[in-house]
Amino acid sequence: SLPLTAGYLLAIPFAMATALPALGAWFAARGLCGIP
């Protein structure tokens, strides 16, 4: 069930982690999830 249920358990850390400006900068520096 984890593909459908893990999000409930990880909702709070998921929201916090994906909001971190430092994580966004890390993604941008490496071109991860970049668009054309």
PDB file of all heavy atoms in Angstrom:
ATOM      1  N   SER A   1       0.807  -1.237   0.000  1.00  0.00           N
ATOM      2  CA  SER A   1       0.000   0.000   0.000  1.00  0.00           C
ATOM      3  C   SER A   1       0.829   1.270   0.000  1.00  0.00           C
ATOM      4  O   SER A   1       0.282   2.359  -0.208  1.00  0.00           O
ATOM      5  CB  SER A   1      -0.915   0.007   1.234  1.00  0.00           C
ATOM      6  OG  SER A   1      -0.185   0.350   2.416  1.00  0.00           O
ATOM      7  N   LEU A   2       2.141   1.172   0.216  1.00  0.00           N
ATOM      8  CA  LEU A   2       2.952   2.372   0.430  1.00  0.00           C
ATOM      9  C   LEU A   2       2.866   3.427  -0.675  1.00  0.00           C
ATOM     10  O   LEU A   2       2.883   4.629  -0.380  1.00  0.00           O
ATOM     11  CB  LEU A   2       4.410   1.969   0.670  1.00  0.00           C
ATOM     12  CG  LEU A   2       4.701   1.337   2.036  1.00  0.00           C
ATOM     13  CD1 LEU A   2       6.177   0.957   2.151  1.00  0.00           C
ATOM     14  CD2 LEU A   2       4.303   2.284   3.167  1.00  0.00           C
ATOM     15  N   PRO A   3       2.781   3.049  -1.965  1.00  0.00           N
ATOM     16  CA  PRO A   3       2.635   4.110  -2.970  1.00  0.00           C
ATOM     17  C   PRO A   3       1.433   5.015  -2.722  1.00  0.00           C
ATOM     18  O   PRO A   3       1.470   6.206  -3.062  1.00  0.00           O
ATOM     19  CB  PRO A   3       2.486   3.326  -4.282  1.00  0.00           C
ATOM     20  CG  PRO A   3       3.221   2.054  -4.040  1.00  0.00           C
ATOM     21  CD  PRO A   3       2.949   1.723  -2.592  1.00  0.00           C
ATOM     22  N   LEU A   4       0.381   4.470  -2.126  1.00  0.00           N
ATOM     23  CA  LEU A   4      -0.827   5.254  -1.888  1.00  0.00           C
ATOM     24  C   LEU A   4      -0.940   5.768  -0.457  1.00  0.00           C
ATOM     25  O   LEU A   4      -1.726   6.690  -0.200  1.00  0.00           O
ATOM     26  CB  LEU A   4      -2.072   4.418  -2.213  1.00  0.00           C
ATOM     27  CG  LEU A   4      -2.183   3.890  -3.647  1.00  0.00           C
ATOM     28  CD1 LEU A   4      -3.483   3.120  -3.817  1.00  0.00           C
ATOM     29  CD2 LEU A   4      -2.098   5.018  -4.655  1.00  0.00           C
ATOM     30  N   THR A   5      -0.196   5.192   0.476  1.00  0.00           N
ATOM     31  CA  THR A   5      -0.387   5.548   1.885  1.00  0.00           C
ATOM     32  C   THR A   5       0.803   6.241   2.537  1.00  0.00           C
ATOM     33  O   THR A   5       0.648   6.881   3.570  1.00  0.00           O
ATOM     34  CB  THR A   5      -0.722   4.291   2.713  1.00  0.00           C
ATOM     35  OG1 THR A   5       0.366   3.353   2.605  1.00  0.00           O
ATOM     36  CG2 THR A   5      -2.005   3.636   2.221  1.00  0.00           C
ATOM     37  N   ALA A   6       1.981   6.137   1.948  1.00  0.00           N
ATOM     38  CA  ALA A   6       3.161   6.744   2.578  1.00  0.00           C
ATOM     39  C   ALA A   6       3.005   8.246   2.731  1.00  0.00           C
ATOM     40  O   ALA A   6       3.514   8.839   3.685  1.00  0.00           O
ATOM     41  CB  ALA A   6       4.422   6.418   1.756  1.00  0.00           C
ATOM     42  N   GLY A   7       2.292   8.861   1.817  1.00  0.00           N
ATOM     43  CA  GLY A   7       2.104  10.308   1.881  1.00  0.00           C
ATOM     44  C   GLY A   7       1.389  10.771   3.129  1.00  0.00           C
ATOM     45  O   GLY A   7       1.635  11.886   3.612  1.00  0.00           O
ATOM     46  N   TYR A   8       0.505   9.943   3.685  1.00  0.00           N
ATOM     47  CA  TYR A   8      -0.176  10.322   4.926  1.00  0.00           C
ATOM     48  C   TYR A   8       0.831  10.422   6.073  1.00  0.00           C
ATOM     49  O   TYR A   8       0.812  11.380   6.851  1.00  0.00           O
ATOM     50  CB  TYR A   8      -1.252   9.290   5.288  1.00  0.00           C
ATOM     51  CG  TYR A   8      -2.270   9.028   4.214  1.00  0.00           C
ATOM     52  CD1 TYR A   8      -2.622   7.720   3.869  1.00  0.00           C
ATOM     53  CD2 TYR A   8      -2.894  10.065   3.538  1.00  0.00           C
ATOM     54  CE1 TYR A   8      -3.558   7.456   2.890  1.00  0.00           C
ATOM     55  CE2 TYR A   8      -3.837   9.814   2.554  1.00  0.00           C
ATOM     56  CZ  TYR A   8      -4.160   8.514   2.236  1.00  0.00           C
ATOM     57  OH  TYR A   8      -5.084   8.261   1.259  1.00  0.00           O
ATOM     58  N   LEU A   9       1.690   9.430   6.170  1.00  0.00           N
ATOM     59  CA  LEU A   9       2.656   9.388   7.259  1.00  0.00           C
ATOM     60  C   LEU A   9       3.718  10.475   7.111  1.00  0.00           C
ATOM     61  O   LEU A   9       4.157  11.072   8.095  1.00  0.00           O
ATOM     62  CB  LEU A   9       3.325   8.006   7.306  1.00  0.00           C
ATOM     63  CG  LEU A   9       4.325   7.774   8.436  1.00  0.00           C
ATOM     64  CD1 LEU A   9       3.620   7.804   9.790  1.00  0.00           C
ATOM     65  CD2 LEU A   9       5.044   6.436   8.240  1.00  0.00           C
ATOM     66  N   LEU A  10       4.110  10.749   5.871  1.00  0.00           N
ATOM     67  CA  LEU A  10       5.210  11.691   5.611  1.00  0.00           C
ATOM     68  C   LEU A  10       4.729  13.093   5.265  1.00  0.00           C
ATOM     69  O   LEU A  10       5.534  13.932   4.858  1.00  0.00           O
ATOM     70  CB  LEU A  10       6.069  11.143   4.461  1.00  0.00           C
ATOM     71  CG  LEU A  10       6.715   9.774   4.689  1.00  0.00           C
ATOM     72  CD1 LEU A  10       7.439   9.308   3.437  1.00  0.00           C
ATOM     73  CD2 LEU A  10       7.663   9.807   5.881  1.00  0.00           C
ATOM     74  N   ALA A  11       3.460  13.370   5.417  1.00  0.00           N
ATOM     75  CA  ALA A  11       2.902  14.646   4.967  1.00  0.00           C
ATOM     76  C   ALA A  11       3.639  15.843   5.552  1.00  0.00           C
ATOM     77  O   ALA A  11       3.993  16.791   4.830  1.00  0.00           O
ATOM     78  CB  ALA A  11       1.414  14.712   5.317  1.00  0.00           C
ATOM     79  N   ILE A  12       3.870  15.834   6.851  1.00  0.00           N
ATOM     80  CA  ILE A  12       4.492  16.993   7.498  1.00  0.00           C
ATOM     81  C   ILE A  12       5.948  17.155   7.075  1.00  0.00           C
ATOM     82  O   ILE A  12       6.334  18.241   6.617  1.00  0.00           O
ATOM     83  CB  ILE A  12       4.341  16.890   9.027  1.00  0.00           C
ATOM     84  CG1 ILE A  12       2.855  17.050   9.404  1.00  0.00           C
ATOM     85  CG2 ILE A  12       5.183  17.965   9.720  1.00  0.00           C
ATOM     86  CD1 ILE A  12       2.560  16.815  10.869  1.00  0.00           C
ATOM     87  N   PRO A  13       6.802  16.122   7.187  1.00  0.00           N
ATOM     88  CA  PRO A  13       8.176  16.311   6.707  1.00  0.00           C
ATOM     89  C   PRO A  13       8.253  16.554   5.209  1.00  0.00           C
ATOM     90  O   PRO A  13       9.134  17.276   4.737  1.00  0.00           O
ATOM     91  CB  PRO A  13       8.879  15.007   7.108  1.00  0.00           C
ATOM     92  CG  PRO A  13       7.793  14.025   7.366  1.00  0.00           C
ATOM     93  CD  PRO A  13       6.632  14.813   7.856  1.00  0.00           C
ATOM     94  N   PHE A  14       7.336  15.966   4.434  1.00  0.00           N
ATOM     95  CA  PHE A  14       7.313  16.191   2.991  1.00  0.00           C
ATOM     96  C   PHE A  14       7.037  17.663   2.687  1.00  0.00           C
ATOM     97  O   PHE A  14       7.718  18.282   1.863  1.00  0.00           O
ATOM     98  CB  PHE A  14       6.241  15.301   2.358  1.00  0.00           C
ATOM     99  CG  PHE A  14       5.963  15.599   0.914  1.00  0.00           C
ATOM    100  CD1 PHE A  14       6.883  15.278  -0.069  1.00  0.00           C
ATOM    101  CD2 PHE A  14       4.767  16.190   0.526  1.00  0.00           C
ATOM    102  CE1 PHE A  14       6.629  15.538  -1.411  1.00  0.00           C
ATOM    103  CE2 PHE A  14       4.501  16.452  -0.804  1.00  0.00           C
ATOM    104  CZ  PHE A  14       5.431  16.127  -1.775  1.00  0.00           C
ATOM    105  N   ALA A  15       6.046  18.232   3.350  1.00  0.00           N
ATOM    106  CA  ALA A  15       5.716  19.646   3.125  1.00  0.00           C
ATOM    107  C   ALA A  15       6.876  20.546   3.533  1.00  0.00           C
ATOM    108  O   ALA A  15       7.200  21.520   2.841  1.00  0.00           O
ATOM    109  CB  ALA A  15       4.455  20.020   3.898  1.00  0.00           C
ATOM    110  N   MET A  16       7.504  20.234   4.660  1.00  0.00           N
ATOM    111  CA  MET A  16       8.603  21.064   5.135  1.00  0.00           C
ATOM    112  C   MET A  16       9.830  20.951   4.236  1.00  0.00           C
ATOM    113  O   MET A  16      10.471  21.953   3.893  1.00  0.00           O
ATOM    114  CB  MET A  16       8.961  20.672   6.573  1.00  0.00           C
ATOM    115  CG  MET A  16       7.872  20.969   7.595  1.00  0.00           C
ATOM    116  SD  MET A  16       8.303  20.393   9.256  1.00  0.00           S
ATOM    117  CE  MET A  16       9.725  21.439   9.620  1.00  0.00           C
ATOM    118  N   ALA A  17      10.162  19.724   3.829  1.00  0.00           N
ATOM    119  CA  ALA A  17      11.362  19.521   3.016  1.00  0.00           C
ATOM    120  C   ALA A  17      11.232  20.182   1.655  1.00  0.00           C
ATOM    121  O   ALA A  17      12.154  20.868   1.183  1.00  0.00           O
ATOM    122  CB  ALA A  17      11.633  18.031   2.854  1.00  0.00           C
ATOM    123  N   THR A  18      10.085  19.996   0.993  1.00  0.00           N
ATOM    124  CA  THR A  18       9.917  20.554  -0.354  1.00  0.00           C
ATOM    125  C   THR A  18       9.763  22.066  -0.344  1.00  0.00           C
ATOM    126  O   THR A  18       9.842  22.699  -1.401  1.00  0.00           O
ATOM    127  CB  THR A  18       8.701  19.920  -1.054  1.00  0.00           C
ATOM    128  OG1 THR A  18       7.534  20.067  -0.224  1.00  0.00           O
ATOM    129  CG2 THR A  18       8.946  18.449  -1.333  1.00  0.00           C
ATOM    130  N   ALA A  19       9.537  22.650   0.839  1.00  0.00           N
ATOM    131  CA  ALA A  19       9.463  24.110   0.941  1.00  0.00           C
ATOM    132  C   ALA A  19      10.810  24.747   1.231  1.00  0.00           C
ATOM    133  O   ALA A  19      10.942  25.979   1.145  1.00  0.00           O
ATOM    134  CB  ALA A  19       8.459  24.511   2.030  1.00  0.00           C
ATOM    135  N   LEU A  20      11.798  23.950   1.597  1.00  0.00           N
ATOM    136  CA  LEU A  20      13.098  24.510   1.990  1.00  0.00           C
ATOM    137  C   LEU A  20      13.768  25.221   0.814  1.00  0.00           C
ATOM    138  O   LEU A  20      14.036  24.598  -0.218  1.00  0.00           O
ATOM    139  CB  LEU A  20      14.020  23.395   2.483  1.00  0.00           C
ATOM    140  CG  LEU A  20      13.765  22.840   3.881  1.00  0.00           C
ATOM    141  CD1 LEU A  20      14.664  21.635   4.128  1.00  0.00           C
ATOM    142  CD2 LEU A  20      14.004  23.923   4.937  1.00  0.00           C
ATOM    143  N   PRO A  21      14.063  26.508   0.937  1.00  0.00           N
ATOM    144  CA  PRO A  21      14.796  27.189  -0.137  1.00  0.00           C
ATOM    145  C   PRO A  21      16.134  26.532  -0.444  1.00  0.00           C
ATOM    146  O   PRO A  21      16.572  26.503  -1.598  1.00  0.00           O
ATOM    147  CB  PRO A  21      14.977  28.609   0.413  1.00  0.00           C
ATOM    148  CG  PRO A  21      13.834  28.798   1.364  1.00  0.00           C
ATOM    149  CD  PRO A  21      13.641  27.446   1.999  1.00  0.00           C
ATOM    150  N   ALA A  22      16.773  25.963   0.596  1.00  0.00           N
ATOM    151  CA  ALA A  22      18.066  25.313   0.370  1.00  0.00           C
ATOM    152  C   ALA A  22      17.930  24.095  -0.534  1.00  0.00           C
ATOM    153  O   ALA A  22      18.795  23.834  -1.385  1.00  0.00           O
ATOM    154  CB  ALA A  22      18.686  24.911   1.708  1.00  0.00           C
ATOM    155  N   LEU A  23      16.849  23.331  -0.378  1.00  0.00           N
ATOM    156  CA  LEU A  23      16.637  22.176  -1.245  1.00  0.00           C
ATOM    157  C   LEU A  23      16.353  22.625  -2.673  1.00  0.00           C
ATOM    158  O   LEU A  23      16.848  22.033  -3.638  1.00  0.00           O
ATOM    159  CB  LEU A  23      15.491  21.315  -0.724  1.00  0.00           C
ATOM    160  CG  LEU A  23      15.199  20.040  -1.534  1.00  0.00           C
ATOM    161  CD1 LEU A  23      16.413  19.119  -1.539  1.00  0.00           C
ATOM    162  CD2 LEU A  23      13.971  19.322  -0.983  1.00  0.00           C
ATOM    163  N   GLY A  24      15.565  23.678  -2.809  1.00  0.00           N
ATOM    164  CA  GLY A  24      15.319  24.212  -4.140  1.00  0.00           C
ATOM    165  C   GLY A  24      16.590  24.673  -4.812  1.00  0.00           C
ATOM    166  O   GLY A  24      16.812  24.428  -6.003  1.00  0.00           O
ATOM    167  N   ALA A  25      17.467  25.339  -4.048  1.00  0.00           N
ATOM    168  CA  ALA A  25      18.746  25.797  -4.605  1.00  0.00           C
ATOM    169  C   ALA A  25      19.624  24.609  -4.984  1.00  0.00           C
ATOM    170  O   ALA A  25      20.329  24.649  -6.003  1.00  0.00           O
ATOM    171  CB  ALA A  25      19.455  26.687  -3.590  1.00  0.00           C
ATOM    172  N   TRP A  26      19.578  23.543  -4.172  1.00  0.00           N
ATOM    173  CA  TRP A  26      20.371  22.344  -4.458  1.00  0.00           C
ATOM    174  C   TRP A  26      19.891  21.690  -5.749  1.00  0.00           C
ATOM    175  O   TRP A  26      20.696  21.292  -6.593  1.00  0.00           O
ATOM    176  CB  TRP A  26      20.259  21.380  -3.281  1.00  0.00           C
ATOM    177  CG  TRP A  26      21.202  20.223  -3.337  1.00  0.00           C
ATOM    178  CD1 TRP A  26      22.495  20.185  -2.893  1.00  0.00           C
ATOM    179  CD2 TRP A  26      20.912  18.913  -3.852  1.00  0.00           C
ATOM    180  NE1 TRP A  26      23.035  18.939  -3.104  1.00  0.00           N
ATOM    181  CE2 TRP A  26      22.092  18.139  -3.697  1.00  0.00           C
ATOM    182  CE3 TRP A  26      19.792  18.327  -4.446  1.00  0.00           C
ATOM    183  CZ2 TRP A  26      22.160  16.814  -4.103  1.00  0.00           C
ATOM    184  CZ3 TRP A  26      19.862  17.001  -4.856  1.00  0.00           C
ATOM    185  CH2 TRP A  26      21.036  16.262  -4.675  1.00  0.00           C
ATOM    186  N   PHE A  27      18.571  21.595  -5.915  1.00  0.00           N
ATOM    187  CA  PHE A  27      18.012  21.052  -7.151  1.00  0.00           C
ATOM    188  C   PHE A  27      18.425  21.904  -8.346  1.00  0.00           C
ATOM    189  O   PHE A  27      18.818  21.387  -9.392  1.00  0.00           O
ATOM    190  CB  PHE A  27      16.484  20.998  -7.053  1.00  0.00           C
ATOM    191  CG  PHE A  27      15.943  19.724  -6.480  1.00  0.00           C
ATOM    192  CD1 PHE A  27      16.461  19.184  -5.320  1.00  0.00           C
ATOM    193  CD2 PHE A  27      14.899  19.066  -7.095  1.00  0.00           C
ATOM    194  CE1 PHE A  27      15.967  18.012  -4.782  1.00  0.00           C
ATOM    195  CE2 PHE A  27      14.387  17.883  -6.576  1.00  0.00           C
ATOM    196  CZ  PHE A  27      14.920  17.358  -5.416  1.00  0.00           C
ATOM    197  N   ALA A  28      18.302  23.223  -8.195  1.00  0.00           N
ATOM    198  CA  ALA A  28      18.600  24.133  -9.310  1.00  0.00           C
ATOM    199  C   ALA A  28      20.072  24.048  -9.703  1.00  0.00           C
ATOM    200  O   ALA A  28      20.408  24.057 -10.896  1.00  0.00           O
ATOM    201  CB  ALA A  28      18.224  25.560  -8.936  1.00  0.00           C
ATOM    202  N   ALA A  29      20.960  23.964  -8.721  1.00  0.00           N
ATOM    203  CA  ALA A  29      22.391  23.914  -9.016  1.00  0.00           C
ATOM    204  C   ALA A  29      22.754  22.661  -9.805  1.00  0.00           C
ATOM    205  O   ALA A  29      23.714  22.675 -10.598  1.00  0.00           O
ATOM    206  CB  ALA A  29      23.191  23.969  -7.715  1.00  0.00           C
ATOM    207  N   ARG A  30      22.003  21.599  -9.627  1.00  0.00           N
ATOM    208  CA  ARG A  30      22.292  20.346 -10.311  1.00  0.00           C
ATOM    209  C   ARG A  30      21.370  20.100 -11.504  1.00  0.00           C
ATOM    210  O   ARG A  30      21.465  19.054 -12.162  1.00  0.00           O
ATOM    211  CB  ARG A  30      22.192  19.190  -9.316  1.00  0.00           C
ATOM    212  CG  ARG A  30      23.359  19.181  -8.328  1.00  0.00           C
ATOM    213  CD  ARG A  30      23.031  18.521  -7.024  1.00  0.00           C
ATOM    214  NE  ARG A  30      24.172  18.616  -6.115  1.00  0.00           N
ATOM    215  CZ  ARG A  30      24.473  19.718  -5.407  1.00  0.00           C
ATOM    216  NH1 ARG A  30      23.696  20.803  -5.509  1.00  0.00           N
ATOM    217  NH2 ARG A  30      25.530  19.742  -4.620  1.00  0.00           N
ATOM    218  N   GLY A  31      20.472  21.036 -11.744  1.00  0.00           N
ATOM    219  CA  GLY A  31      19.574  20.901 -12.881  1.00  0.00           C
ATOM    220  C   GLY A  31      18.512  19.838 -12.716  1.00  0.00           C
ATOM    221  O   GLY A  31      17.892  19.405 -13.692  1.00  0.00           O
ATOM    222  N   LEU A  32      18.267  19.406 -11.476  1.00  0.00           N
ATOM    223  CA  LEU A  32      17.267  18.373 -11.239  1.00  0.00           C
ATOM    224  C   LEU A  32      15.862  18.942 -11.353  1.00  0.00           C
ATOM    225  O   LEU A  32      15.566  20.029 -10.843  1.00  0.00           O
ATOM    226  CB  LEU A  32      17.469  17.744  -9.860  1.00  0.00           C
ATOM    227  CG  LEU A  32      18.748  16.913  -9.693  1.00  0.00           C
ATOM    228  CD1 LEU A  32      18.883  16.443  -8.251  1.00  0.00           C
ATOM    229  CD2 LEU A  32      18.749  15.727 -10.651  1.00  0.00           C
ATOM    230  N   CYS A  33      15.009  18.188 -12.020  1.00  0.00           N
ATOM    231  CA  CYS A  33      13.627  18.615 -12.270  1.00  0.00           C
ATOM    232  C   CYS A  33      13.598  19.978 -12.958  1.00  0.00           C
ATOM    233  O   CYS A  33      12.677  20.767 -12.750  1.00  0.00           O
ATOM    234  CB  CYS A  33      12.810  18.622 -10.984  1.00  0.00           C
ATOM    235  SG  CYS A  33      12.621  16.977 -10.263  1.00  0.00           S
ATOM    236  N   GLY A  34      14.619  20.215 -13.754  1.00  0.00           N
ATOM    237  CA  GLY A  34      14.646  21.445 -14.539  1.00  0.00           C
ATOM    238  C   GLY A  34      13.783  21.311 -15.780  1.00  0.00           C
ATOM    239  O   GLY A  34      13.481  20.210 -16.249  1.00  0.00           O
ATOM    240  N   ILE A  35      13.388  22.442 -16.314  1.00  0.00           N
ATOM    241  CA  ILE A  35      12.596  22.488 -17.530  1.00  0.00           C
ATOM    242  C   ILE A  35      13.437  23.167 -18.613  1.00  0.00           C
ATOM    243  O   ILE A  35      14.480  23.760 -18.311  1.00  0.00           O
ATOM    244  CB  ILE A  35      11.272  23.241 -17.289  1.00  0.00           C
ATOM    245  CG1 ILE A  35      11.529  24.627 -16.683  1.00  0.00           C
ATOM    246  CG2 ILE A  35      10.356  22.425 -16.376  1.00  0.00           C
ATOM    247  CD1 ILE A  35      10.271  25.447 -16.462  1.00  0.00           C
ATOM    248  N   PRO A  36      13.057  23.081 -19.870  1.00  0.00           N
ATOM    249  CA  PRO A  36      13.879  23.680 -20.928  1.00  0.00           C
ATOM    250  C   PRO A  36      14.234  25.141 -20.678  1.00  0.00           C
ATOM    251  O   PRO A  36      15.345  25.579 -21.019  1.00  0.00           O
ATOM    252  CB  PRO A  36      13.009  23.516 -22.173  1.00  0.00           C
ATOM    253  CG  PRO A  36      12.228  22.270 -21.909  1.00  0.00           C
ATOM    254  CD  PRO A  36      11.933  22.310 -20.438  1.00  0.00           C
TER     255      PRO A  36
END
